[in-house]
């Protein structure tokens, strides 16, 4: 057991409290959430606090992601997945990005939803953590 575990896949350029939260071990072999409580907290939400506040003030209680699966070019350069929210009537501006290392989980979930349900939207909720607004993707609800 290592004394100082490396934070492989963590984006060190972001502040410690804005790097997002999610664990690859929460997903089974097929990149499906192991239970209904699994969530991913988006990274890089600090610059988008005004957009998140506007979504909350609009009163939409059930936002969903408005992102599409990554293209082969985006996968090739390891581009981050920027997340926007669909609030029923409109698509928001960027509200964060998928934490490093979990892009494949989100991408595979979007593809699976598109094939089965016909709309590639992951349910989300906006929560307050540490005095700032954060977006949680409710991955366990789309198993």
Protein backbone atom coordinates (compact mmCIF):
# COMPACT_ATOMS: atom_id res chain seq x y z
CA UNK A 1 0.00 0.00 0.00
CA UNK A 2 1.42 3.38 -0.99
CA UNK A 3 1.76 6.08 1.60
CA UNK A 4 1.11 8.84 -0.90
CA UNK A 5 -1.41 7.65 -3.45
CA UNK A 6 -1.18 9.47 -6.76
CA UNK A 7 -4.23 11.34 -7.98
CA UNK A 8 -4.02 9.94 -11.49
CA UNK A 9 -6.46 11.61 -13.85
CA UNK A 10 -7.05 14.59 -11.56
CA UNK A 11 -6.87 18.01 -13.20
CA UNK A 12 -4.30 19.74 -11.00
CA UNK A 13 -4.90 23.10 -12.75
CA UNK A 14 -8.29 23.47 -11.03
CA UNK A 15 -8.75 24.50 -7.40
CA UNK A 16 -8.94 21.52 -5.06
CA UNK A 17 -12.64 22.11 -4.25
CA UNK A 18 -13.60 22.43 -7.95
CA UNK A 19 -12.05 19.27 -9.44
CA UNK A 20 -15.27 17.29 -9.35
CA UNK A 21 -16.00 14.02 -7.62
CA UNK A 22 -16.63 10.58 -9.02
CA UNK A 23 -15.16 7.12 -8.75
CA UNK A 24 -14.52 4.73 -11.61
CA UNK A 25 -15.05 1.83 -9.17
CA UNK A 26 -18.74 2.81 -8.87
CA UNK A 27 -19.34 1.29 -12.31
CA UNK A 28 -19.55 -2.33 -13.42
CA UNK A 29 -17.78 -3.90 -16.38
CA UNK A 30 -20.22 -2.39 -18.89
CA UNK A 31 -19.70 1.12 -17.42
CA UNK A 32 -23.14 0.96 -15.81
CA UNK A 33 -23.64 2.45 -12.34
CA UNK A 34 -23.65 -0.25 -9.67
CA UNK A 35 -26.64 1.25 -7.81
CA UNK A 36 -29.18 4.08 -7.99
CA UNK A 37 -27.26 6.37 -5.61
CA UNK A 38 -24.20 6.84 -7.86
CA UNK A 39 -23.50 10.46 -8.82
CA UNK A 40 -20.76 12.49 -10.46
CA UNK A 41 -20.10 16.06 -9.29
CA UNK A 42 -18.93 18.20 -12.21
CA UNK A 43 -15.54 19.90 -12.21
CA UNK A 44 -14.81 23.52 -13.15
CA UNK A 45 -18.13 24.93 -11.90
CA UNK A 46 -16.65 27.98 -10.16
CA UNK A 47 -16.61 30.19 -13.29
CA UNK A 48 -20.27 29.31 -13.99
CA UNK A 49 -21.90 30.29 -10.70
CA UNK A 50 -24.08 32.98 -12.34
CA UNK A 51 -25.44 30.50 -14.89
CA UNK A 52 -26.20 27.98 -12.14
CA UNK A 53 -27.94 30.67 -10.07
CA UNK A 54 -30.07 31.64 -13.11
CA UNK A 55 -31.13 28.01 -13.59
CA UNK A 56 -32.10 27.76 -9.91
CA UNK A 57 -33.97 31.07 -10.04
CA UNK A 58 -35.93 29.87 -13.10
CA UNK A 59 -37.36 27.16 -10.84
CA UNK A 60 -36.65 24.11 -12.97
CA UNK A 61 -36.49 21.20 -10.55
CA UNK A 62 -35.39 18.49 -12.99
CA UNK A 63 -32.62 19.69 -15.31
CA UNK A 64 -30.97 17.19 -17.66
CA UNK A 65 -27.65 17.26 -19.47
CA UNK A 66 -27.57 18.70 -22.97
CA UNK A 67 -24.39 17.10 -24.27
CA UNK A 68 -23.69 14.70 -27.08
CA UNK A 69 -21.30 11.75 -27.15
CA UNK A 70 -17.72 12.66 -28.03
CA UNK A 71 -16.55 12.36 -31.60
CA UNK A 72 -13.50 10.33 -32.55
CA UNK A 73 -11.49 13.56 -32.94
CA UNK A 74 -12.39 14.65 -29.41
CA UNK A 75 -11.44 11.24 -28.04
CA UNK A 76 -8.14 11.33 -29.90
CA UNK A 77 -7.02 14.58 -28.24
CA UNK A 78 -8.61 13.68 -24.87
CA UNK A 79 -10.83 16.77 -24.87
CA UNK A 80 -12.87 17.43 -21.73
CA UNK A 81 -16.64 17.01 -21.90
CA UNK A 82 -18.21 20.41 -21.25
CA UNK A 83 -21.69 20.08 -19.77
CA UNK A 84 -24.72 22.27 -20.45
CA UNK A 85 -28.14 21.74 -18.89
CA UNK A 86 -31.47 21.42 -20.63
CA UNK A 87 -34.06 23.07 -18.40
CA UNK A 88 -37.22 22.23 -20.31
CA UNK A 89 -37.38 25.36 -22.42
CA UNK A 90 -33.78 26.23 -23.10
CA UNK A 91 -30.23 24.98 -23.05
CA UNK A 92 -27.98 26.74 -20.56
CA UNK A 93 -24.46 27.92 -21.07
CA UNK A 94 -21.63 25.72 -19.77
CA UNK A 95 -22.02 24.74 -16.11
CA UNK A 96 -18.92 22.57 -15.67
CA UNK A 97 -17.12 19.60 -17.13
CA UNK A 98 -16.90 15.90 -16.46
CA UNK A 99 -14.05 15.12 -14.02
CA UNK A 100 -10.90 13.70 -15.61
CA UNK A 101 -10.99 9.94 -15.94
CA UNK A 102 -14.79 9.66 -16.05
CA UNK A 103 -15.29 10.82 -19.63
CA UNK A 104 -15.68 7.24 -20.87
CA UNK A 105 -18.41 6.53 -18.30
CA UNK A 106 -20.45 9.58 -19.33
CA UNK A 107 -19.83 9.02 -23.04
CA UNK A 108 -20.91 5.37 -22.85
CA UNK A 109 -24.01 6.31 -20.83
CA UNK A 110 -25.00 8.90 -23.44
CA UNK A 111 -24.61 6.36 -26.25
CA UNK A 112 -26.61 3.75 -24.34
CA UNK A 113 -29.42 6.23 -23.63
CA UNK A 114 -29.51 7.34 -27.25
CA UNK A 115 -29.84 3.72 -28.39
CA UNK A 116 -32.49 2.66 -25.87
CA UNK A 117 -34.54 5.71 -24.90
CA UNK A 118 -33.93 7.88 -27.93
CA UNK A 119 -32.73 10.93 -26.00
CA UNK A 120 -29.23 11.20 -24.61
CA UNK A 121 -29.93 13.15 -21.42
CA UNK A 122 -28.63 12.34 -17.96
CA UNK A 123 -30.72 13.72 -15.07
CA UNK A 124 -28.95 16.27 -12.90
CA UNK A 125 -29.48 18.37 -9.80
CA UNK A 126 -27.90 21.57 -8.55
CA UNK A 127 -26.67 21.44 -4.96
CA UNK A 128 -24.80 23.79 -2.66
CA UNK A 129 -21.46 22.52 -1.36
CA UNK A 130 -19.01 24.69 0.50
CA UNK A 131 -21.08 27.80 -0.21
CA UNK A 132 -20.90 27.28 -3.99
CA UNK A 133 -23.30 25.75 -6.48
CA UNK A 134 -22.33 22.38 -7.93
CA UNK A 135 -23.98 20.09 -10.48
CA UNK A 136 -24.47 16.41 -9.72
CA UNK A 137 -25.13 14.01 -12.57
CA UNK A 138 -27.50 11.30 -11.33
CA UNK A 139 -25.79 8.40 -13.06
CA UNK A 140 -27.53 5.71 -11.01
CA UNK A 141 -30.95 6.73 -12.31
CA UNK A 142 -30.06 5.80 -15.89
CA UNK A 143 -28.67 2.32 -15.24
